Amino acid sequence: MNGVRPFPTLSSSSPILPGTALGNITQVESSGNSSYNALWVTATRRLTRNLQFDASYTWSKSLDYNSFSTGGIVAQDSYDVTGSRGLSDFDARHRFVISALYELPFRGNRLVEGWQVAAIVQSQSGNPVNIVTTNSTVNGVAGTLRPDVNGPVNILGRVDAWFDTSVFTPVPRFGNLGRNVVIGPAFNNTDFSVTKNTKFGDAVRLQFRAEFFDVFNHANFGQPGNVAGSPSFGRITNTRFPTGESGSSRQIQFAVETDHLGVLG
């Protein structure tokens, strides 16, 4: 019926509650389908006595009907669950991570010895965004119906307009737009640290650390608004993580630790 209820109420001649409006029947089942394919490449190398690095690259694609078992009602059409098959919510096509550690080759005294610098660089593609409407009259659940799309989906890449919203049209039926067809912002983050290790005799080691998270203060944006027709549709209003989390903004912390080393007698 393309989302149109054939019998909105019971018949007026029904022996049970004649004329009563008919609501939804909630069906819960464990059926589903998912697939994940990936290529993972990693490399570890000690270039010199004092320098080493690790690098990894992942190229992957994840598909499913629903990415979270606690997501509640998510299929727009329970008679066509396969119509919700698309990119997983957590899909990231490319992910690259490289870390490096360098022990400074200074020698001579406690002031210049024991210095280390380290860095970790992470870069990955954005995650999918599922475009929905507020319509709840078709299946009784707002935020599950997808709109119609009448043109190519263009990513503009701006905070005030991450994608072209003009091609999406809310309709009072099951829309023709697929699930998770828009890709959100990428994630890029660089952490850096400086460490100084100092020994006092054979029994005590003192370590000083200065750690810089998101050292370049690169803004990692959150997902754009996904409700077609809403004021925030296509706009980004937050960072990927809350303030204080990884990649939200530059953070600097200092630490001092002491270790009492065991001495064999």
C-alpha atoms as a PDB file:
ATOM      1  CA  MET A   1       0.000   0.000   0.000  1.00  0.00           C
ATOM      2  CA  ASN A   2       3.075   2.242  -0.178  1.00  0.00           C
ATOM      3  CA  GLY A   3       2.709   3.364   3.400  1.00  0.00           C
ATOM      4  CA  VAL A   4      -1.044   4.126   3.262  1.00  0.00           C
ATOM      5  CA  ARG A   5      -3.141   2.323   5.867  1.00  0.00           C
ATOM      6  CA  PRO A   6      -6.010   0.518   4.115  1.00  0.00           C
ATOM      7  CA  PHE A   7      -8.164   0.414   7.256  1.00  0.00           C
ATOM      8  CA  PRO A   8      -7.646   3.436   9.538  1.00  0.00           C
ATOM      9  CA  THR A   9     -10.553   2.375  11.804  1.00  0.00           C
ATOM     10  CA  LEU A  10     -12.609  -0.665  12.595  1.00  0.00           C
ATOM     11  CA  SER A  11     -15.828  -1.002  10.670  1.00  0.00           C
ATOM     12  CA  SER A  12     -18.848   0.712  12.183  1.00  0.00           C
ATOM     13  CA  SER A  13     -20.581  -2.672  12.026  1.00  0.00           C
ATOM     14  CA  SER A  14     -17.799  -4.457  13.928  1.00  0.00           C
ATOM     15  CA  PRO A  15     -19.126  -6.396  16.925  1.00  0.00           C
ATOM     16  CA  ILE A  16     -15.976  -5.346  18.842  1.00  0.00           C
ATOM     17  CA  LEU A  17     -15.299  -1.632  19.393  1.00  0.00           C
ATOM     18  CA  PRO A  18     -16.970  -0.395  16.184  1.00  0.00           C
ATOM     19  CA  GLY A  19     -15.310   2.662  14.619  1.00  0.00           C
ATOM     20  CA  THR A  20     -12.212   2.468  16.857  1.00  0.00           C
ATOM     21  CA  ALA A  21      -9.065   3.905  15.289  1.00  0.00           C
ATOM     22  CA  LEU A  22      -6.436   1.311  14.500  1.00  0.00           C
ATOM     23  CA  GLY A  23      -2.896   1.899  15.757  1.00  0.00           C
ATOM     24  CA  ASN A  24       0.422   0.225  15.085  1.00  0.00           C
ATOM     25  CA  ILE A  25       1.445  -3.365  15.574  1.00  0.00           C
ATOM     26  CA  THR A  26       5.022  -3.488  16.831  1.00  0.00           C
ATOM     27  CA  GLN A  27       6.946  -6.477  15.540  1.00  0.00           C
ATOM     28  CA  VAL A  28      10.273  -7.399  17.155  1.00  0.00           C
ATOM     29  CA  GLU A  29      12.482  -9.970  15.473  1.00  0.00           C
ATOM     30  CA  SER A  30      16.137 -10.910  15.346  1.00  0.00           C
ATOM     31  CA  SER A  31      16.463 -11.311  11.591  1.00  0.00           C
ATOM     32  CA  GLY A  32      19.111  -9.252   9.866  1.00  0.00           C
ATOM     33  CA  ASN A  33      22.032  -9.267   7.513  1.00  0.00           C
ATOM     34  CA  SER A  34      25.450  -7.670   7.583  1.00  0.00           C
ATOM     35  CA  SER A  35      28.772  -7.952   5.796  1.00  0.00           C
ATOM     36  CA  TYR A  36      32.229  -6.503   6.352  1.00  0.00           C
ATOM     37  CA  ASN A  37      35.144  -6.633   3.938  1.00  0.00           C
ATOM     38  CA  ALA A  38      38.487  -4.982   4.519  1.00  0.00           C
ATOM     39  CA  LEU A  39      42.109  -4.772   3.518  1.00  0.00           C
ATOM     40  CA  TRP A  40      44.500  -4.081   6.400  1.00  0.00           C
ATOM     41  CA  VAL A  41      48.153  -3.190   5.855  1.00  0.00           C
ATOM     42  CA  THR A  42      50.594  -2.571   8.683  1.00  0.00           C
ATOM     43  CA  ALA A  43      54.295  -1.732   8.890  1.00  0.00           C
ATOM     44  CA  THR A  44      56.756  -1.491  11.767  1.00  0.00           C
ATOM     45  CA  ARG A  45      60.234  -0.179  11.238  1.00  0.00           C
ATOM     46  CA  ARG A  46      63.205   0.847  13.343  1.00  0.00           C
ATOM     47  CA  LEU A  47      64.973   3.327  11.067  1.00  0.00           C
ATOM     48  CA  THR A  48      67.883   4.096  13.365  1.00  0.00           C
ATOM     49  CA  ARG A  49      68.904   3.094  16.856  1.00  0.00           C
ATOM     50  CA  ASN A  50      66.796   5.949  18.255  1.00  0.00           C
ATOM     51  CA  LEU A  51      63.853   6.174  15.825  1.00  0.00           C
ATOM     52  CA  GLN A  52      61.010   3.750  15.216  1.00  0.00           C
ATOM     53  CA  PHE A  53      57.537   3.999  13.737  1.00  0.00           C
ATOM     54  CA  ASP A  54      54.376   1.955  13.258  1.00  0.00           C
ATOM     55  CA  ALA A  55      51.861   2.572  10.507  1.00  0.00           C
ATOM     56  CA  SER A  56      48.595   0.952   9.475  1.00  0.00           C
ATOM     57  CA  TYR A  57      46.032   1.511   6.742  1.00  0.00           C
ATOM     58  CA  THR A  58      42.536   0.000   6.561  1.00  0.00           C
ATOM     59  CA  TRP A  59      40.303   0.067   3.507  1.00  0.00           C
ATOM     60  CA  SER A  60      36.897  -1.351   4.392  1.00  0.00           C
ATOM     61  CA  LYS A  61      33.188  -1.435   3.682  1.00  0.00           C
ATOM     62  CA  SER A  62      30.467  -2.487   6.112  1.00  0.00           C
ATOM     63  CA  LEU A  63      26.829  -3.075   5.123  1.00  0.00           C
ATOM     64  CA  ASP A  64      23.805  -4.005   7.225  1.00  0.00           C
ATOM     65  CA  TYR A  65      20.081  -3.517   7.811  1.00  0.00           C
ATOM     66  CA  ASN A  66      20.565  -1.911  11.239  1.00  0.00           C
ATOM     67  CA  SER A  67      23.793  -1.152  13.060  1.00  0.00           C
ATOM     68  CA  PHE A  68      22.562  -1.219  16.667  1.00  0.00           C
ATOM     69  CA  SER A  69      20.508  -3.893  18.412  1.00  0.00           C
ATOM     70  CA  THR A  70      19.232  -1.248  20.874  1.00  0.00           C
ATOM     71  CA  GLY A  71      18.127   1.144  18.147  1.00  0.00           C
ATOM     72  CA  GLY A  72      14.431   0.392  18.509  1.00  0.00           C
ATOM     73  CA  ILE A  73      12.262   0.688  15.405  1.00  0.00           C
ATOM     74  CA  VAL A  74      14.499   1.761  12.553  1.00  0.00           C
ATOM     75  CA  ALA A  75      13.122   0.164   9.355  1.00  0.00           C
ATOM     76  CA  GLN A  76      10.819   2.506   7.474  1.00  0.00           C
ATOM     77  CA  ASP A  77       8.915  -0.435   5.945  1.00  0.00           C
ATOM     78  CA  SER A  78       8.653  -3.640   7.997  1.00  0.00           C
ATOM     79  CA  TYR A  79       7.445  -5.473   4.864  1.00  0.00           C
ATOM     80  CA  ASP A  80      10.648  -4.532   3.050  1.00  0.00           C
ATOM     81  CA  VAL A  81      13.484  -4.773   5.550  1.00  0.00           C
ATOM     82  CA  THR A  82      15.967  -5.286   2.722  1.00  0.00           C
ATOM     83  CA  GLY A  83      15.136  -1.742   1.632  1.00  0.00           C
ATOM     84  CA  SER A  84      17.071  -0.561   4.691  1.00  0.00           C
ATOM     85  CA  ARG A  85      20.254  -2.351   3.658  1.00  0.00           C
ATOM     86  CA  GLY A  86      23.023   0.201   3.305  1.00  0.00           C
ATOM     87  CA  LEU A  87      26.289   1.382   4.760  1.00  0.00           C
ATOM     88  CA  SER A  88      26.660   0.684   8.462  1.00  0.00           C
ATOM     89  CA  ASP A  89      26.431   3.710  10.739  1.00  0.00           C
ATOM     90  CA  PHE A  90      30.058   3.133  11.789  1.00  0.00           C
ATOM     91  CA  ASP A  91      31.407   2.531   8.271  1.00  0.00           C
ATOM     92  CA  ALA A  92      34.645   4.421   7.518  1.00  0.00           C
ATOM     93  CA  ARG A  93      36.063   3.637   4.074  1.00  0.00           C
ATOM     94  CA  HIS A  94      39.637   4.680   4.803  1.00  0.00           C
ATOM     95  CA  ARG A  95      41.586   4.803   8.092  1.00  0.00           C
ATOM     96  CA  PHE A  96      45.277   5.642   8.464  1.00  0.00           C
ATOM     97  CA  VAL A  97      47.280   5.661  11.703  1.00  0.00           C
ATOM     98  CA  ILE A  98      50.986   6.322  12.130  1.00  0.00           C
ATOM     99  CA  SER A  99      52.964   6.612  15.345  1.00  0.00           C
ATOM    100  CA  ALA A 100      56.620   7.499  15.818  1.00  0.00           C
ATOM    101  CA  LEU A 101      58.992   7.543  18.785  1.00  0.00           C
ATOM    102  CA  TYR A 102      62.379   9.253  18.774  1.00  0.00           C
ATOM    103  CA  GLU A 103      64.937   9.117  21.562  1.00  0.00           C
ATOM    104  CA  LEU A 104      67.091  12.224  21.364  1.00  0.00           C
ATOM    105  CA  PRO A 105      70.772  11.221  21.107  1.00  0.00           C
ATOM    106  CA  PHE A 106      72.023  13.743  23.656  1.00  0.00           C
ATOM    107  CA  ARG A 107      74.594  12.492  26.119  1.00  0.00           C
ATOM    108  CA  GLY A 108      76.648  14.067  28.862  1.00  0.00           C
ATOM    109  CA  ASN A 109      74.600  14.694  32.002  1.00  0.00           C
ATOM    110  CA  ARG A 110      71.176  14.281  33.565  1.00  0.00           C
ATOM    111  CA  LEU A 111      69.922  17.534  32.048  1.00  0.00           C
ATOM    112  CA  VAL A 112      70.396  16.535  28.419  1.00  0.00           C
ATOM    113  CA  GLU A 113      69.977  12.742  28.591  1.00  0.00           C
ATOM    114  CA  GLY A 114      66.714  10.766  28.597  1.00  0.00           C
ATOM    115  CA  TRP A 115      64.594  12.934  26.280  1.00  0.00           C
ATOM    116  CA  GLN A 116      61.965  11.337  24.026  1.00  0.00           C
ATOM    117  CA  VAL A 117      59.447  12.797  21.583  1.00  0.00           C
ATOM    118  CA  ALA A 118      56.468  10.863  20.207  1.00  0.00           C
ATOM    119  CA  ALA A 119      53.563  11.536  17.851  1.00  0.00           C
ATOM    120  CA  ILE A 120      50.402   9.719  16.764  1.00  0.00           C
ATOM    121  CA  VAL A 121      48.544  10.806  13.622  1.00  0.00           C
ATOM    122  CA  GLN A 122      45.040   9.500  12.865  1.00  0.00           C
ATOM    123  CA  SER A 123      43.032  10.179   9.738  1.00  0.00           C
ATOM    124  CA  GLN A 124      39.820   8.498   8.591  1.00  0.00           C
ATOM    125  CA  SER A 125      36.883   8.968   6.267  1.00  0.00           C
ATOM    126  CA  GLY A 126      33.572  10.258   7.547  1.00  0.00           C
ATOM    127  CA  ASN A 127      30.697   8.072   8.717  1.00  0.00           C
ATOM    128  CA  PRO A 128      27.309   7.801   6.976  1.00  0.00           C
ATOM    129  CA  VAL A 129      24.328  10.013   7.796  1.00  0.00           C
ATOM    130  CA  ASN A 130      20.780   8.653   7.485  1.00  0.00           C
ATOM    131  CA  ILE A 131      18.387  11.291   6.145  1.00  0.00           C
ATOM    132  CA  VAL A 132      14.880  10.993   7.605  1.00  0.00           C
ATOM    133  CA  THR A 133      11.632  12.948   8.002  1.00  0.00           C
ATOM    134  CA  THR A 134       9.394  13.725  10.977  1.00  0.00           C
ATOM    135  CA  ASN A 135       6.435  11.930   9.409  1.00  0.00           C
ATOM    136  CA  SER A 136       4.835   9.487  11.844  1.00  0.00           C
ATOM    137  CA  THR A 137       1.494   8.914  10.152  1.00  0.00           C
ATOM    138  CA  VAL A 138       2.685   6.182   7.781  1.00  0.00           C
ATOM    139  CA  ASN A 139       4.289   3.705  10.190  1.00  0.00           C
ATOM    140  CA  GLY A 140       3.580   5.489  13.462  1.00  0.00           C
ATOM    141  CA  VAL A 141       7.248   6.223  14.271  1.00  0.00           C
ATOM    142  CA  ALA A 142       8.831   9.614  13.575  1.00  0.00           C
ATOM    143  CA  GLY A 143      12.404   9.672  12.333  1.00  0.00           C
ATOM    144  CA  THR A 144      12.234   6.417  10.372  1.00  0.00           C
ATOM    145  CA  LEU A 145      10.764   7.423   7.011  1.00  0.00           C
ATOM    146  CA  ARG A 146      13.253   8.641   4.419  1.00  0.00           C
ATOM    147  CA  PRO A 147      12.419  11.400   1.921  1.00  0.00           C
ATOM    148  CA  ASP A 148      12.471  11.340  -1.867  1.00  0.00           C
ATOM    149  CA  VAL A 149      15.649  12.391  -3.631  1.00  0.00           C
ATOM    150  CA  ASN A 150      15.283  14.067  -7.017  1.00  0.00           C
ATOM    151  CA  GLY A 151      18.874  14.718  -7.997  1.00  0.00           C
ATOM    152  CA  PRO A 152      22.492  13.816  -7.299  1.00  0.00           C
ATOM    153  CA  VAL A 153      23.606  14.026  -3.671  1.00  0.00           C
ATOM    154  CA  ASN A 154      26.337  16.670  -3.626  1.00  0.00           C
ATOM    155  CA  ILE A 155      28.637  17.108  -0.630  1.00  0.00           C
ATOM    156  CA  LEU A 156      29.388  20.838  -0.265  1.00  0.00           C
ATOM    157  CA  GLY A 157      31.628  20.418   2.776  1.00  0.00           C
ATOM    158  CA  ARG A 158      30.610  23.601   4.625  1.00  0.00           C
ATOM    159  CA  VAL A 159      29.526  23.894   8.244  1.00  0.00           C
ATOM    160  CA  ASP A 160      26.378  25.806   7.272  1.00  0.00           C
ATOM    161  CA  ALA A 161      25.625  23.449   4.381  1.00  0.00           C
ATOM    162  CA  TRP A 162      27.431  20.130   4.457  1.00  0.00           C
ATOM    163  CA  PHE A 163      25.394  18.840   1.531  1.00  0.00           C
ATOM    164  CA  ASP A 164      22.883  20.201  -0.980  1.00  0.00           C
ATOM    165  CA  THR A 165      19.547  19.926   0.812  1.00  0.00           C
ATOM    166  CA  SER A 166      17.436  21.055  -2.176  1.00  0.00           C
ATOM    167  CA  VAL A 167      17.321  17.568  -3.695  1.00  0.00           C
ATOM    168  CA  PHE A 168      15.500  16.047  -0.701  1.00  0.00           C
ATOM    169  CA  THR A 169      11.712  16.241  -0.446  1.00  0.00           C
ATOM    170  CA  PRO A 170       9.684  14.949   2.538  1.00  0.00           C
ATOM    171  CA  VAL A 171       6.754  12.863   1.296  1.00  0.00           C
ATOM    172  CA  PRO A 172       3.759  11.247   3.100  1.00  0.00           C
ATOM    173  CA  ARG A 173       4.897   7.756   2.097  1.00  0.00           C
ATOM    174  CA  PHE A 174       8.037   5.628   1.933  1.00  0.00           C
ATOM    175  CA  GLY A 175      10.671   7.759   0.224  1.00  0.00           C
ATOM    176  CA  ASN A 176      12.947   6.515  -2.541  1.00  0.00           C
ATOM    177  CA  LEU A 177      16.148   7.595  -0.776  1.00  0.00           C
ATOM    178  CA  GLY A 178      18.387   4.775   0.394  1.00  0.00           C
ATOM    179  CA  ARG A 179      19.718   4.455   3.931  1.00  0.00           C
ATOM    180  CA  ASN A 180      23.008   6.148   4.893  1.00  0.00           C
ATOM    181  CA  VAL A 181      23.789   7.605   1.466  1.00  0.00           C
ATOM    182  CA  VAL A 182      25.340  10.857   2.777  1.00  0.00           C
ATOM    183  CA  ILE A 183      28.865  10.786   4.229  1.00  0.00           C
ATOM    184  CA  GLY A 184      29.703  13.116   7.115  1.00  0.00           C
ATOM    185  CA  PRO A 185      32.961  14.927   7.950  1.00  0.00           C
ATOM    186  CA  ALA A 186      36.283  13.103   8.164  1.00  0.00           C
ATOM    187  CA  PHE A 187      38.324  12.779  11.355  1.00  0.00           C
ATOM    188  CA  ASN A 188      41.918  14.024  11.587  1.00  0.00           C
ATOM    189  CA  ASN A 189      43.896  14.232  14.801  1.00  0.00           C
ATOM    190  CA  THR A 190      47.550  14.557  15.836  1.00  0.00           C
ATOM    191  CA  ASP A 191      48.812  13.950  19.372  1.00  0.00           C
ATOM    192  CA  PHE A 192      52.340  14.847  20.455  1.00  0.00           C
ATOM    193  CA  SER A 193      54.323  14.259  23.630  1.00  0.00           C
ATOM    194  CA  VAL A 194      57.693  15.116  25.162  1.00  0.00           C
ATOM    195  CA  THR A 195      59.105  12.853  27.881  1.00  0.00           C
ATOM    196  CA  LYS A 196      62.165  13.265  30.112  1.00  0.00           C
ATOM    197  CA  ASN A 197      63.453  10.283  32.085  1.00  0.00           C
ATOM    198  CA  THR A 198      66.036  10.899  34.805  1.00  0.00           C
ATOM    199  CA  LYS A 199      67.687   8.302  37.010  1.00  0.00           C
ATOM    200  CA  PHE A 200      68.901   9.047  40.499  1.00  0.00           C
ATOM    201  CA  GLY A 201      71.313   6.286  41.329  1.00  0.00           C
ATOM    202  CA  ASP A 202      70.079   2.731  40.790  1.00  0.00           C
ATOM    203  CA  ALA A 203      66.908   3.004  42.851  1.00  0.00           C
ATOM    204  CA  VAL A 204      64.833   5.953  41.637  1.00  0.00           C
ATOM    205  CA  ARG A 205      63.656   7.103  38.213  1.00  0.00           C
ATOM    206  CA  LEU A 206      61.830  10.390  37.671  1.00  0.00           C
ATOM    207  CA  GLN A 207      59.701  10.916  34.559  1.00  0.00           C
ATOM    208  CA  PHE A 208      58.316  14.234  33.356  1.00  0.00           C
ATOM    209  CA  ARG A 209      55.744  14.274  30.522  1.00  0.00           C
ATOM    210  CA  ALA A 210      54.155  17.036  28.502  1.00  0.00           C
ATOM    211  CA  GLU A 211      51.312  15.743  26.313  1.00  0.00           C
ATOM    212  CA  PHE A 212      49.516  17.698  23.589  1.00  0.00           C
ATOM    213  CA  PHE A 213      46.241  16.241  22.337  1.00  0.00           C
ATOM    214  CA  ASP A 214      44.980  17.572  18.984  1.00  0.00           C
ATOM    215  CA  VAL A 215      48.181  19.612  18.888  1.00  0.00           C
ATOM    216  CA  PHE A 216      47.133  21.536  15.746  1.00  0.00           C
ATOM    217  CA  ASN A 217      43.716  22.374  17.269  1.00  0.00           C
ATOM    218  CA  HIS A 218      42.026  20.926  14.202  1.00  0.00           C
ATOM    219  CA  ALA A 219      38.223  21.089  14.405  1.00  0.00           C
ATOM    220  CA  ASN A 220      36.688  17.642  13.933  1.00  0.00           C
ATOM    221  CA  PHE A 221      33.056  18.323  13.130  1.00  0.00           C
ATOM    222  CA  GLY A 222      30.091  16.197  14.128  1.00  0.00           C
ATOM    223  CA  GLN A 223      27.373  14.931  11.827  1.00  0.00           C
ATOM    224  CA  PRO A 224      25.105  17.399  10.006  1.00  0.00           C
ATOM    225  CA  GLY A 225      21.402  17.648  10.808  1.00  0.00           C
ATOM    226  CA  ASN A 226      19.607  14.708   9.204  1.00  0.00           C
ATOM    227  CA  VAL A 227      15.901  15.633   9.458  1.00  0.00           C
ATOM    228  CA  ALA A 228      14.658  16.850   6.065  1.00  0.00           C
ATOM    229  CA  GLY A 229      12.852  20.171   6.261  1.00  0.00           C
ATOM    230  CA  SER A 230      14.085  21.083   9.749  1.00  0.00           C
ATOM    231  CA  PRO A 231      16.015  24.346  10.401  1.00  0.00           C
ATOM    232  CA  SER A 232      19.197  22.380  11.135  1.00  0.00           C
ATOM    233  CA  PHE A 233      18.949  20.132   8.065  1.00  0.00           C
ATOM    234  CA  GLY A 234      22.391  19.821   6.495  1.00  0.00           C
ATOM    235  CA  ARG A 235      24.005  22.111   9.087  1.00  0.00           C
ATOM    236  CA  ILE A 236      26.756  21.127  11.541  1.00  0.00           C
ATOM    237  CA  THR A 237      26.247  22.483  15.052  1.00  0.00           C
ATOM    238  CA  ASN A 238      28.747  20.512  17.138  1.00  0.00           C
ATOM    239  CA  THR A 239      32.139  18.825  17.113  1.00  0.00           C
ATOM    240  CA  ARG A 240      32.545  15.099  16.653  1.00  0.00           C
ATOM    241  CA  PHE A 241      33.171  14.546  20.368  1.00  0.00           C
ATOM    242  CA  PRO A 242      32.187  16.598  23.426  1.00  0.00           C
ATOM    243  CA  THR A 243      34.671  19.135  24.747  1.00  0.00           C
ATOM    244  CA  GLY A 244      37.386  17.322  26.623  1.00  0.00           C
ATOM    245  CA  GLU A 245      37.227  14.188  24.481  1.00  0.00           C
ATOM    246  CA  SER A 246      39.769  13.078  21.894  1.00  0.00           C
ATOM    247  CA  GLY A 247      39.863  15.356  18.885  1.00  0.00           C
ATOM    248  CA  SER A 248      37.466  17.975  20.255  1.00  0.00           C
ATOM    249  CA  SER A 249      40.098  20.717  20.762  1.00  0.00           C
ATOM    250  CA  ARG A 250      43.718  21.174  21.744  1.00  0.00           C
ATOM    251  CA  GLN A 251      44.443  19.950  25.264  1.00  0.00           C
ATOM    252  CA  ILE A 252      47.745  20.064  27.139  1.00  0.00           C
ATOM    253  CA  GLN A 253      48.571  18.127  30.255  1.00  0.00           C
ATOM    254  CA  PHE A 254      51.701  17.695  32.358  1.00  0.00           C
ATOM    255  CA  ALA A 255      52.641  14.783  34.583  1.00  0.00           C
ATOM    256  CA  VAL A 256      55.470  13.794  36.912  1.00  0.00           C
ATOM    257  CA  GLU A 257      55.976  10.193  38.020  1.00  0.00           C
ATOM    258  CA  THR A 258      58.563   8.446  40.132  1.00  0.00           C
ATOM    259  CA  ASP A 259      59.501   4.767  40.086  1.00  0.00           C
ATOM    260  CA  HIS A 260      61.460   2.958  42.748  1.00  0.00           C
ATOM    261  CA  LEU A 261      63.534   0.445  40.848  1.00  0.00           C
ATOM    262  CA  GLY A 262      64.263  -2.924  42.395  1.00  0.00           C
ATOM    263  CA  VAL A 263      67.877  -3.559  43.321  1.00  0.00           C
ATOM    264  CA  LEU A 264      69.235  -7.096  43.366  1.00  0.00           C
ATOM    265  CA  GLY A 265      71.441  -7.797  46.378  1.00  0.00           C
END
